[in-house]
């Protein structure tokens, strides 16, 4: 079994990294969810986080965005360096939120706001950017995902796939350095999964840096540059998609893949 804390992948030097997390520990009561997790992400790459439910994947992702506060560990995103064992200042929290944007599993759109309102509220109210500029950018982004005609619609009138595409646009509108996806297709009907994965694949092709928690193993194998397999709060195995999916080193990884691998999209 590998150690609970693995260093950077052999092909990635520290100077080339956009994000470097070291020794993340997080507990919820008696449940020790993260047990010394390390994670490295190079700019312009897609890092897939896979593993069984409850293995710590989502907690890691939320820790990168400041939505969870690990009890121990360090985090560097770009020029921001944090000792997570210490309280974060208001300036540090704001910088952490600027560095990455989250696409949630359940969309989390504001039901009382239009699609355009959902996309523009963060850049205008939180980032203080010019309204006309933000609206123009938002409409262009909605056009990219085929939803410009839905700008004045409310979330209740959209399909699940359309709502998730709005969620992706909302994240893009914040102009982050990195996009974080937390099981973005898990709540969708099977026929809607493809439209969301298509947008994510396009973003990866454009060079967006992405960390993706997913059970869509076909997508991870095709699009990711690196894959980390989580189990019981540790990274059991890390490597390229060809290595992790085609020739896993660890028995725990093999058992997981044997249960889940099947047709593309699973």
Protein backbone atom coordinates (compact mmCIF):
# COMPACT_ATOMS: atom_id res chain seq x y z
CA UNK A 1 0.00 0.00 0.00
CA UNK A 2 1.34 3.48 -0.85
CA UNK A 3 2.07 6.01 1.84
CA UNK A 4 -0.75 8.32 2.87
CA UNK A 5 1.15 11.32 1.52
CA UNK A 6 2.57 11.08 -1.98
CA UNK A 7 4.81 13.70 -3.57
CA UNK A 8 4.40 15.36 -6.94
CA UNK A 9 4.10 13.15 -9.98
CA UNK A 10 7.44 12.40 -11.56
CA UNK A 11 6.63 14.51 -14.62
CA UNK A 12 5.56 17.63 -12.72
CA UNK A 13 8.05 19.97 -11.07
CA UNK A 14 7.00 22.31 -8.30
CA UNK A 15 7.79 25.40 -10.37
CA UNK A 16 5.34 24.25 -13.08
CA UNK A 17 2.40 23.85 -10.72
CA UNK A 18 -0.66 26.07 -10.49
CA UNK A 19 -1.81 24.31 -7.32
CA UNK A 20 0.05 22.34 -4.69
CA UNK A 21 -1.67 20.93 -1.61
CA UNK A 22 0.27 19.09 1.08
CA UNK A 23 -0.81 17.03 4.05
CA UNK A 24 -4.52 17.89 4.07
CA UNK A 25 -6.33 16.57 7.15
CA UNK A 26 -10.02 17.07 7.80
CA UNK A 27 -12.42 15.48 10.28
CA UNK A 28 -16.14 15.74 10.79
CA UNK A 29 -16.62 14.69 14.38
CA UNK A 30 -15.05 11.24 14.73
CA UNK A 31 -14.92 10.75 10.97
CA UNK A 32 -11.37 11.43 9.73
CA UNK A 33 -12.25 12.22 6.11
CA UNK A 34 -8.85 13.37 4.85
CA UNK A 35 -5.71 11.67 6.14
CA UNK A 36 -2.75 13.55 4.75
CA UNK A 37 -3.78 14.17 1.16
CA UNK A 38 -1.36 15.71 -1.35
CA UNK A 39 -2.49 17.06 -4.72
CA UNK A 40 -0.60 18.77 -7.55
CA UNK A 41 -2.18 20.40 -10.59
CA UNK A 42 -0.19 21.95 -13.44
CA UNK A 43 -1.64 24.86 -15.40
CA UNK A 44 -3.67 23.91 -18.45
CA UNK A 45 -4.25 20.33 -17.29
CA UNK A 46 -7.26 18.28 -16.18
CA UNK A 47 -6.90 16.29 -12.95
CA UNK A 48 -9.62 13.70 -12.32
CA UNK A 49 -10.39 12.62 -8.76
CA UNK A 50 -12.05 9.20 -8.67
CA UNK A 51 -12.97 6.75 -5.95
CA UNK A 52 -15.90 5.39 -3.95
CA UNK A 53 -18.42 7.67 -2.25
CA UNK A 54 -17.15 8.95 1.08
CA UNK A 55 -13.48 8.60 0.12
CA UNK A 56 -12.73 12.32 0.56
CA UNK A 57 -12.78 13.55 -3.05
CA UNK A 58 -15.41 16.27 -2.59
CA UNK A 59 -13.90 17.40 0.71
CA UNK A 60 -10.57 17.95 -1.05
CA UNK A 61 -12.25 19.95 -3.80
CA UNK A 62 -14.15 22.12 -1.30
CA UNK A 63 -10.93 22.67 0.66
CA UNK A 64 -9.24 24.05 -2.46
CA UNK A 65 -12.01 26.65 -2.81
CA UNK A 66 -12.20 27.56 0.89
CA UNK A 67 -15.62 25.97 1.36
CA UNK A 68 -14.10 23.58 3.90
CA UNK A 69 -11.34 24.34 6.40
CA UNK A 70 -8.88 21.47 6.90
CA UNK A 71 -7.33 21.20 10.36
CA UNK A 72 -3.86 20.75 8.88
CA UNK A 73 -2.00 21.09 5.64
CA UNK A 74 -0.63 23.70 3.27
CA UNK A 75 -2.05 25.03 0.04
CA UNK A 76 -0.46 27.06 -2.73
CA UNK A 77 -2.47 28.39 -5.67
CA UNK A 78 -0.43 30.66 -7.91
CA UNK A 79 1.15 33.28 -5.65
CA UNK A 80 -1.14 32.51 -2.70
CA UNK A 81 0.36 30.33 0.03
CA UNK A 82 -1.67 29.23 3.06
CA UNK A 83 -0.95 27.28 6.23
CA UNK A 84 -4.36 25.70 6.68
CA UNK A 85 -3.79 25.08 10.38
CA UNK A 86 -4.06 28.84 10.95
CA UNK A 87 -7.16 31.05 10.62
CA UNK A 88 -7.35 32.75 7.24
CA UNK A 89 -7.62 36.49 6.95
CA UNK A 90 -10.39 38.14 4.98
CA UNK A 91 -7.86 38.99 2.27
CA UNK A 92 -6.68 35.38 2.06
CA UNK A 93 -10.25 34.06 1.85
CA UNK A 94 -11.05 36.49 -0.95
CA UNK A 95 -7.90 35.53 -2.83
CA UNK A 96 -8.73 31.84 -2.46
CA UNK A 97 -12.20 32.38 -3.91
CA UNK A 98 -10.75 34.37 -6.81
CA UNK A 99 -8.28 31.64 -7.66
CA UNK A 100 -10.89 28.96 -8.38
CA UNK A 101 -14.58 28.62 -9.15
CA UNK A 102 -16.78 25.66 -8.26
CA UNK A 103 -19.37 23.88 -10.40
CA UNK A 104 -21.62 22.02 -7.98
CA UNK A 105 -23.40 18.71 -8.21
CA UNK A 106 -26.85 20.21 -7.62
CA UNK A 107 -26.46 23.39 -9.74
CA UNK A 108 -27.24 25.76 -6.80
CA UNK A 109 -28.76 28.42 -9.06
CA UNK A 110 -30.73 31.23 -7.42
CA UNK A 111 -34.37 30.44 -8.28
CA UNK A 112 -35.48 34.09 -8.06
CA UNK A 113 -32.87 35.27 -10.57
CA UNK A 114 -32.87 34.86 -14.34
CA UNK A 115 -30.12 32.91 -16.06
CA UNK A 116 -28.32 36.18 -16.81
CA UNK A 117 -28.78 37.31 -13.22
CA UNK A 118 -27.27 34.08 -11.92
CA UNK A 119 -24.23 34.47 -14.15
CA UNK A 120 -23.60 38.16 -13.46
CA UNK A 121 -24.28 38.47 -9.73
CA UNK A 122 -20.83 37.25 -8.66
CA UNK A 123 -18.69 39.36 -11.00
CA UNK A 124 -20.77 42.50 -10.25
CA UNK A 125 -21.46 42.23 -6.52
CA UNK A 126 -18.46 40.25 -5.30
CA UNK A 127 -15.74 41.28 -7.74
CA UNK A 128 -17.05 44.81 -8.33
CA UNK A 129 -16.60 44.69 -12.09
CA UNK A 130 -18.37 47.01 -14.54
CA UNK A 131 -21.96 45.87 -15.14
CA UNK A 132 -22.00 46.46 -18.90
CA UNK A 133 -18.74 44.56 -19.34
CA UNK A 134 -19.97 41.68 -17.20
CA UNK A 135 -23.29 41.41 -19.05
CA UNK A 136 -21.54 41.41 -22.43
CA UNK A 137 -19.14 38.69 -21.28
CA UNK A 138 -22.01 36.65 -19.78
CA UNK A 139 -24.04 36.74 -22.98
CA UNK A 140 -21.01 35.64 -24.99
CA UNK A 141 -20.43 32.74 -22.59
CA UNK A 142 -24.10 31.71 -22.74
CA UNK A 143 -23.85 31.77 -26.51
CA UNK A 144 -20.86 29.42 -26.32
CA UNK A 145 -22.92 26.77 -24.52
CA UNK A 146 -26.03 27.29 -26.64
CA UNK A 147 -28.09 29.10 -24.01
CA UNK A 148 -28.09 32.76 -25.05
CA UNK A 149 -31.80 32.59 -25.83
CA UNK A 150 -32.38 31.47 -22.21
CA UNK A 151 -30.77 34.60 -20.70
CA UNK A 152 -34.09 35.94 -19.39
CA UNK A 153 -35.47 32.54 -18.36
CA UNK A 154 -35.60 31.33 -14.76
CA UNK A 155 -33.92 28.11 -13.59
CA UNK A 156 -37.24 26.33 -13.02
CA UNK A 157 -37.91 26.41 -16.77
CA UNK A 158 -34.60 24.73 -17.67
CA UNK A 159 -33.70 21.08 -17.94
CA UNK A 160 -31.11 19.67 -15.58
CA UNK A 161 -28.49 19.72 -18.31
CA UNK A 162 -29.26 23.34 -19.14
CA UNK A 163 -29.04 24.31 -15.47
CA UNK A 164 -25.65 22.65 -15.18
CA UNK A 165 -24.41 24.46 -18.29
CA UNK A 166 -25.52 27.72 -16.65
CA UNK A 167 -23.55 26.63 -13.58
CA UNK A 168 -20.45 26.21 -15.74
CA UNK A 169 -20.97 29.64 -17.33
CA UNK A 170 -21.40 31.17 -13.88
CA UNK A 171 -18.01 29.74 -12.88
CA UNK A 172 -16.36 30.94 -16.10
CA UNK A 173 -17.77 34.45 -15.61
CA UNK A 174 -15.67 34.80 -12.46
CA UNK A 175 -12.53 34.49 -14.59
CA UNK A 176 -10.78 32.09 -12.19
CA UNK A 177 -7.39 30.47 -12.65
CA UNK A 178 -8.92 27.03 -12.15
CA UNK A 179 -12.32 25.34 -12.46
CA UNK A 180 -13.45 22.82 -9.84
CA UNK A 181 -16.17 20.32 -10.80
CA UNK A 182 -17.92 18.29 -8.09
CA UNK A 183 -19.70 15.35 -9.76
CA UNK A 184 -21.24 17.71 -12.34
CA UNK A 185 -23.29 14.99 -14.05
CA UNK A 186 -24.35 12.80 -11.14
CA UNK A 187 -27.78 14.41 -10.70
CA UNK A 188 -28.62 14.41 -14.42
CA UNK A 189 -30.75 12.00 -16.39
CA UNK A 190 -28.51 9.81 -18.57
CA UNK A 191 -29.59 11.50 -21.81
CA UNK A 192 -28.45 14.90 -20.46
CA UNK A 193 -24.98 13.83 -19.31
CA UNK A 194 -23.45 14.12 -22.77
CA UNK A 195 -24.24 17.81 -23.24
CA UNK A 196 -22.45 18.73 -20.00
CA UNK A 197 -19.44 16.50 -20.71
CA UNK A 198 -19.19 18.05 -24.18
CA UNK A 199 -18.83 21.53 -22.67
CA UNK A 200 -16.21 20.28 -20.20
CA UNK A 201 -14.29 18.53 -22.98
CA UNK A 202 -14.28 21.77 -24.99
CA UNK A 203 -12.97 23.73 -22.00
CA UNK A 204 -10.21 21.18 -21.49
CA UNK A 205 -9.27 21.53 -25.14
CA UNK A 206 -9.00 25.29 -24.68
CA UNK A 207 -6.45 24.83 -21.93
CA UNK A 208 -8.55 25.51 -18.83
CA UNK A 209 -7.06 24.10 -15.64
CA UNK A 210 -9.63 21.76 -14.12
CA UNK A 211 -9.99 19.47 -11.11
CA UNK A 212 -12.92 17.11 -11.62
CA UNK A 213 -14.51 14.78 -9.09
CA UNK A 214 -16.32 12.26 -11.26
CA UNK A 215 -17.66 8.73 -11.65
CA UNK A 216 -17.69 9.19 -15.43
CA UNK A 217 -14.65 7.00 -15.97
CA UNK A 218 -14.84 7.14 -19.76
CA UNK A 219 -14.66 10.92 -19.63
CA UNK A 220 -11.77 10.81 -17.14
CA UNK A 221 -9.81 8.39 -19.28
CA UNK A 222 -10.32 10.40 -22.46
CA UNK A 223 -9.93 13.97 -21.17
CA UNK A 224 -7.82 13.93 -17.98
CA UNK A 225 -4.07 14.42 -17.95
CA UNK A 226 -3.71 12.90 -14.49
CA UNK A 227 -5.93 10.75 -12.27
CA UNK A 228 -5.92 10.33 -8.50
CA UNK A 229 -7.76 7.38 -6.95
CA UNK A 230 -9.03 8.09 -3.44
CA UNK A 231 -10.10 5.61 -0.80
CA UNK A 232 -10.65 6.11 2.94
CA UNK A 233 -9.23 9.61 2.93
CA UNK A 234 -5.93 8.93 1.17
CA UNK A 235 -4.67 8.98 -2.40
CA UNK A 236 -4.13 5.29 -3.06
CA UNK A 237 -2.84 5.71 -6.59
CA UNK A 238 -1.92 8.57 -8.91
CA UNK A 239 -0.84 8.52 -12.53
CA UNK A 240 -1.78 9.04 -16.14
CA UNK A 241 -5.19 7.78 -17.33
CA UNK A 242 -3.50 5.01 -19.34
CA UNK A 243 -1.61 3.83 -16.27
CA UNK A 244 -4.42 4.10 -13.69
CA UNK A 245 -7.15 2.67 -15.89
CA UNK A 246 -5.05 0.35 -18.05
CA UNK A 247 -2.48 -1.00 -15.61
CA UNK A 248 -3.31 -0.02 -12.00
CA UNK A 249 -0.58 -0.81 -9.51
CA UNK A 250 -2.75 -1.14 -6.41
CA UNK A 251 -5.25 -3.91 -5.68
CA UNK A 252 -7.74 -1.41 -4.22
CA UNK A 253 -7.69 0.52 -7.50
CA UNK A 254 -8.22 -2.66 -9.51
CA UNK A 255 -11.21 -3.70 -7.41
CA UNK A 256 -12.82 -0.28 -7.79
CA UNK A 257 -12.35 -0.21 -11.55
CA UNK A 258 -13.63 -3.75 -11.99
CA UNK A 259 -16.87 -2.73 -10.28
CA UNK A 260 -17.40 0.48 -12.22
CA UNK A 261 -15.74 0.30 -15.61
CA UNK A 262 -18.10 -0.38 -18.44
CA UNK A 263 -19.37 1.48 -21.50
CA UNK A 264 -18.10 5.00 -22.19
CA UNK A 265 -19.55 7.47 -19.73
CA UNK A 266 -19.27 5.13 -16.75
